[in-house]
Amino acid sequence: MMQMDVDGGVLIAQKTDNRKQEEHKQEQQMERTRSTTLSNRVIFTGLWEHACAPR
């Protein structure tokens, strides 16, 4: 919870900073999800080809 500053200047600066941190967190989360999805797809494709390979 943020405290109200006398002129409100600090409050605005904190809000902006919080928003930047939040956006950065979301970007990291999306990047993590993207790399996990990619590696899972590679693993799945490898297993699929192994399972369906003619013996």
PDB file of N, CA and C in Angstrom:
ATOM      1  N   MET A   1       0.855  -1.197   0.000  1.00  0.00           N
ATOM      2  CA  MET A   1       0.000   0.000   0.000  1.00  0.00           C
ATOM      3  C   MET A   1       0.888   1.244   0.000  1.00  0.00           C
ATOM      4  N   MET A   2       0.618   2.168  -0.893  1.00  0.00           N
ATOM      5  CA  MET A   2       1.432   3.370  -0.992  1.00  0.00           C
ATOM      6  C   MET A   2       0.853   4.488  -0.141  1.00  0.00           C
ATOM      7  N   GLN A   3       1.722   5.273   0.425  1.00  0.00           N
ATOM      8  CA  GLN A   3       1.274   6.416   1.227  1.00  0.00           C
ATOM      9  C   GLN A   3       1.227   7.665   0.359  1.00  0.00           C
ATOM     10  N   MET A   4       0.228   8.509   0.636  1.00  0.00           N
ATOM     11  CA  MET A   4       0.079   9.730  -0.145  1.00  0.00           C
ATOM     12  C   MET A   4       1.156  10.728   0.253  1.00  0.00           C
ATOM     13  N   ASP A   5       1.860  11.225  -0.752  1.00  0.00           N
ATOM     14  CA  ASP A   5       2.866  12.254  -0.499  1.00  0.00           C
ATOM     15  C   ASP A   5       2.169  13.616  -0.463  1.00  0.00           C
ATOM     16  N   VAL A   6       2.865  14.616   0.070  1.00  0.00           N
ATOM     17  CA  VAL A   6       2.271  15.945   0.212  1.00  0.00           C
ATOM     18  C   VAL A   6       1.859  16.504  -1.150  1.00  0.00           C
ATOM     19  N   ASP A   7       2.770  16.420  -2.139  1.00  0.00           N
ATOM     20  CA  ASP A   7       2.446  16.978  -3.452  1.00  0.00           C
ATOM     21  C   ASP A   7       2.032  15.903  -4.455  1.00  0.00           C
ATOM     22  N   GLY A   8       2.097  14.635  -4.061  1.00  0.00           N
ATOM     23  CA  GLY A   8       1.682  13.560  -4.956  1.00  0.00           C
ATOM     24  C   GLY A   8       2.738  13.172  -5.969  1.00  0.00           C
ATOM     25  N   GLY A   9       3.886  13.831  -5.974  1.00  0.00           N
ATOM     26  CA  GLY A   9       4.922  13.542  -6.966  1.00  0.00           C
ATOM     27  C   GLY A   9       5.551  12.178  -6.768  1.00  0.00           C
ATOM     28  N   VAL A  10       5.844  11.845  -5.524  1.00  0.00           N
ATOM     29  CA  VAL A  10       6.460  10.558  -5.218  1.00  0.00           C
ATOM     30  C   VAL A  10       5.508   9.431  -5.564  1.00  0.00           C
ATOM     31  N   LEU A  11       4.220   9.648  -5.308  1.00  0.00           N
ATOM     32  CA  LEU A  11       3.207   8.636  -5.569  1.00  0.00           C
ATOM     33  C   LEU A  11       3.186   8.255  -7.051  1.00  0.00           C
ATOM     34  N   ILE A  12       3.210   9.274  -7.915  1.00  0.00           N
ATOM     35  CA  ILE A  12       3.193   9.026  -9.358  1.00  0.00           C
ATOM     36  C   ILE A  12       4.448   8.267  -9.777  1.00  0.00           C
ATOM     37  N   ALA A  13       5.588   8.667  -9.232  1.00  0.00           N
ATOM     38  CA  ALA A  13       6.846   8.006  -9.571  1.00  0.00           C
ATOM     39  C   ALA A  13       6.798   6.544  -9.151  1.00  0.00           C
ATOM     40  N   GLN A  14       6.252   6.272  -7.973  1.00  0.00           N
ATOM     41  CA  GLN A  14       6.156   4.887  -7.495  1.00  0.00           C
ATOM     42  C   GLN A  14       5.221   4.070  -8.371  1.00  0.00           C
ATOM     43  N   LYS A  15       4.101   4.654  -8.763  1.00  0.00           N
ATOM     44  CA  LYS A  15       3.162   3.938  -9.630  1.00  0.00           C
ATOM     45  C   LYS A  15       3.827   3.561 -10.942  1.00  0.00           C
ATOM     46  N   THR A  16       4.548   4.510 -11.540  1.00  0.00           N
ATOM     47  CA  THR A  16       5.229   4.255 -12.802  1.00  0.00           C
ATOM     48  C   THR A  16       6.257   3.149 -12.626  1.00  0.00           C
ATOM     49  N   ASP A  17       7.013   3.208 -11.538  1.00  0.00           N
ATOM     50  CA  ASP A  17       8.032   2.201 -11.260  1.00  0.00           C
ATOM     51  C   ASP A  17       7.390   0.831 -11.085  1.00  0.00           C
ATOM     52  N   ASN A  18       6.280   0.781 -10.356  1.00  0.00           N
ATOM     53  CA  ASN A  18       5.580  -0.486 -10.141  1.00  0.00           C
ATOM     54  C   ASN A  18       5.085  -1.059 -11.462  1.00  0.00           C
ATOM     55  N   ARG A  19       4.581  -0.195 -12.325  1.00  0.00           N
ATOM     56  CA  ARG A  19       4.077  -0.666 -13.612  1.00  0.00           C
ATOM     57  C   ARG A  19       5.213  -1.242 -14.441  1.00  0.00           C
ATOM     58  N   LYS A  20       6.379  -0.567 -14.418  1.00  0.00           N
ATOM     59  CA  LYS A  20       7.533  -1.068 -15.173  1.00  0.00           C
ATOM     60  C   LYS A  20       7.968  -2.435 -14.643  1.00  0.00           C
ATOM     61  N   GLN A  21       8.008  -2.568 -13.314  1.00  0.00           N
ATOM     62  CA  GLN A  21       8.384  -3.849 -12.717  1.00  0.00           C
ATOM     63  C   GLN A  21       7.389  -4.936 -13.126  1.00  0.00           C
ATOM     64  N   GLU A  22       6.103  -4.592 -13.121  1.00  0.00           N
ATOM     65  CA  GLU A  22       5.056  -5.554 -13.486  1.00  0.00           C
ATOM     66  C   GLU A  22       5.211  -5.994 -14.941  1.00  0.00           C
ATOM     67  N   GLU A  23       5.457  -5.032 -15.834  1.00  0.00           N
ATOM     68  CA  GLU A  23       5.643  -5.364 -17.249  1.00  0.00           C
ATOM     69  C   GLU A  23       6.861  -6.261 -17.429  1.00  0.00           C
ATOM     70  N   HIS A  24       7.937  -5.949 -16.696  1.00  0.00           N
ATOM     71  CA  HIS A  24       9.158  -6.751 -16.787  1.00  0.00           C
ATOM     72  C   HIS A  24       8.879  -8.179 -16.322  1.00  0.00           C
ATOM     73  N   LYS A  25       8.102  -8.308 -15.223  1.00  0.00           N
ATOM     74  CA  LYS A  25       7.749  -9.631 -14.711  1.00  0.00           C
ATOM     75  C   LYS A  25       6.952 -10.409 -15.747  1.00  0.00           C
ATOM     76  N   GLN A  26       6.003  -9.741 -16.401  1.00  0.00           N
ATOM     77  CA  GLN A  26       5.180 -10.403 -17.414  1.00  0.00           C
ATOM     78  C   GLN A  26       6.031 -10.845 -18.597  1.00  0.00           C
ATOM     79  N   GLU A  27       6.980  -9.995 -19.014  1.00  0.00           N
ATOM     80  CA  GLU A  27       7.859 -10.358 -20.126  1.00  0.00           C
ATOM     81  C   GLU A  27       8.695 -11.583 -19.776  1.00  0.00           C
ATOM     82  N   GLN A  28       9.239 -11.609 -18.551  1.00  0.00           N
ATOM     83  CA  GLN A  28      10.027 -12.763 -18.124  1.00  0.00           C
ATOM     84  C   GLN A  28       9.164 -14.017 -18.122  1.00  0.00           C
ATOM     85  N   GLN A  29       7.944 -13.890 -17.621  1.00  0.00           N
ATOM     86  CA  GLN A  29       7.034 -15.037 -17.558  1.00  0.00           C
ATOM     87  C   GLN A  29       6.732 -15.554 -18.963  1.00  0.00           C
ATOM     88  N   MET A  30       6.468 -14.644 -19.908  1.00  0.00           N
ATOM     89  CA  MET A  30       6.173 -15.053 -21.276  1.00  0.00           C
ATOM     90  C   MET A  30       7.385 -15.737 -21.899  1.00  0.00           C
ATOM     91  N   GLU A  31       8.573 -15.198 -21.653  1.00  0.00           N
ATOM     92  CA  GLU A  31       9.800 -15.785 -22.195  1.00  0.00           C
ATOM     93  C   GLU A  31      10.001 -17.190 -21.631  1.00  0.00           C
ATOM     94  N   ARG A  32       9.771 -17.342 -20.332  1.00  0.00           N
ATOM     95  CA  ARG A  32       9.913 -18.647 -19.694  1.00  0.00           C
ATOM     96  C   ARG A  32       8.923 -19.646 -20.299  1.00  0.00           C
ATOM     97  N   THR A  33       7.668 -19.196 -20.473  1.00  0.00           N
ATOM     98  CA  THR A  33       6.645 -20.064 -21.050  1.00  0.00           C
ATOM     99  C   THR A  33       7.023 -20.463 -22.469  1.00  0.00           C
ATOM    100  N   ARG A  34       7.534 -19.488 -23.230  1.00  0.00           N
ATOM    101  CA  ARG A  34       7.887 -19.749 -24.625  1.00  0.00           C
ATOM    102  C   ARG A  34       8.996 -20.798 -24.708  1.00  0.00           C
ATOM    103  N   SER A  35      10.037 -20.652 -23.867  1.00  0.00           N
ATOM    104  CA  SER A  35      11.152 -21.591 -23.934  1.00  0.00           C
ATOM    105  C   SER A  35      10.721 -22.976 -23.437  1.00  0.00           C
ATOM    106  N   THR A  36       9.851 -23.024 -22.424  1.00  0.00           N
ATOM    107  CA  THR A  36       9.353 -24.308 -21.928  1.00  0.00           C
ATOM    108  C   THR A  36       8.538 -24.999 -23.002  1.00  0.00           C
ATOM    109  N   THR A  37       7.658 -24.249 -23.663  1.00  0.00           N
ATOM    110  CA  THR A  37       6.837 -24.815 -24.728  1.00  0.00           C
ATOM    111  C   THR A  37       7.715 -25.359 -25.836  1.00  0.00           C
ATOM    112  N   LEU A  38       8.739 -24.600 -26.190  1.00  0.00           N
ATOM    113  CA  LEU A  38       9.621 -25.012 -27.270  1.00  0.00           C
ATOM    114  C   LEU A  38      10.345 -26.307 -26.916  1.00  0.00           C
ATOM    115  N   SER A  39      10.917 -26.388 -25.708  1.00  0.00           N
ATOM    116  CA  SER A  39      11.644 -27.595 -25.330  1.00  0.00           C
ATOM    117  C   SER A  39      10.694 -28.785 -25.203  1.00  0.00           C
ATOM    118  N   ASN A  40       9.478 -28.543 -24.694  1.00  0.00           N
ATOM    119  CA  ASN A  40       8.500 -29.626 -24.623  1.00  0.00           C
ATOM    120  C   ASN A  40       8.154 -30.133 -26.016  1.00  0.00           C
ATOM    121  N   ARG A  41       8.025 -29.217 -26.980  1.00  0.00           N
ATOM    122  CA  ARG A  41       7.699 -29.608 -28.347  1.00  0.00           C
ATOM    123  C   ARG A  41       8.824 -30.438 -28.936  1.00  0.00           C
ATOM    124  N   VAL A  42      10.063 -30.035 -28.668  1.00  0.00           N
ATOM    125  CA  VAL A  42      11.212 -30.782 -29.185  1.00  0.00           C
ATOM    126  C   VAL A  42      11.233 -32.188 -28.584  1.00  0.00           C
ATOM    127  N   ILE A  43      11.023 -32.278 -27.261  1.00  0.00           N
ATOM    128  CA  ILE A  43      11.011 -33.580 -26.591  1.00  0.00           C
ATOM    129  C   ILE A  43       9.886 -34.440 -27.137  1.00  0.00           C
ATOM    130  N   PHE A  44       8.687 -33.841 -27.261  1.00  0.00           N
ATOM    131  CA  PHE A  44       7.531 -34.593 -27.743  1.00  0.00           C
ATOM    132  C   PHE A  44       7.766 -35.102 -29.155  1.00  0.00           C
ATOM    133  N   THR A  45       8.312 -34.241 -30.026  1.00  0.00           N
ATOM    134  CA  THR A  45       8.581 -34.638 -31.416  1.00  0.00           C
ATOM    135  C   THR A  45       9.578 -35.787 -31.447  1.00  0.00           C
ATOM    136  N   GLY A  46      10.612 -35.692 -30.605  1.00  0.00           N
ATOM    137  CA  GLY A  46      11.609 -36.760 -30.555  1.00  0.00           C
ATOM    138  C   GLY A  46      11.001 -38.080 -30.105  1.00  0.00           C
ATOM    139  N   LEU A  47      10.167 -38.029 -29.064  1.00  0.00           N
ATOM    140  CA  LEU A  47       9.502 -39.247 -28.586  1.00  0.00           C
ATOM    141  C   LEU A  47       8.558 -39.800 -29.642  1.00  0.00           C
ATOM    142  N   TRP A  48       7.827 -38.903 -30.303  1.00  0.00           N
ATOM    143  CA  TRP A  48       6.862 -39.308 -31.321  1.00  0.00           C
ATOM    144  C   TRP A  48       7.581 -40.027 -32.457  1.00  0.00           C
ATOM    145  N   GLU A  49       8.681 -39.430 -32.933  1.00  0.00           N
ATOM    146  CA  GLU A  49       9.432 -40.050 -34.029  1.00  0.00           C
ATOM    147  C   GLU A  49      10.017 -41.393 -33.579  1.00  0.00           C
ATOM    148  N   HIS A  50      10.468 -41.460 -32.329  1.00  0.00           N
ATOM    149  CA  HIS A  50      11.031 -42.706 -31.803  1.00  0.00           C
ATOM    150  C   HIS A  50       9.952 -43.781 -31.723  1.00  0.00           C
ATOM    151  N   ALA A  51       8.752 -43.395 -31.246  1.00  0.00           N
ATOM    152  CA  ALA A  51       7.665 -44.360 -31.056  1.00  0.00           C
ATOM    153  C   ALA A  51       7.101 -44.837 -32.394  1.00  0.00           C
ATOM    154  N   CYS A  52       7.097 -43.944 -33.388  1.00  0.00           N
ATOM    155  CA  CYS A  52       6.469 -44.274 -34.667  1.00  0.00           C
ATOM    156  C   CYS A  52       7.481 -44.747 -35.711  1.00  0.00           C
ATOM    157  N   ALA A  53       8.738 -44.813 -35.314  1.00  0.00           N
ATOM    158  CA  ALA A  53       9.757 -45.226 -36.274  1.00  0.00           C
ATOM    159  C   ALA A  53       9.534 -46.694 -36.651  1.00  0.00           C
ATOM    160  N   PRO A  54       9.629 -46.999 -37.941  1.00  0.00           N
ATOM    161  CA  PRO A  54       9.487 -48.406 -38.354  1.00  0.00           C
ATOM    162  C   PRO A  54      10.631 -49.247 -37.787  1.00  0.00           C
ATOM    163  N   ARG A  55      10.284 -50.381 -37.265  1.00  0.00           N
ATOM    164  CA  ARG A  55      11.314 -51.234 -36.658  1.00  0.00           C
ATOM    165  C   ARG A  55      11.714 -52.344 -37.619  1.00  0.00           C
TER     166      ARG A  55
END
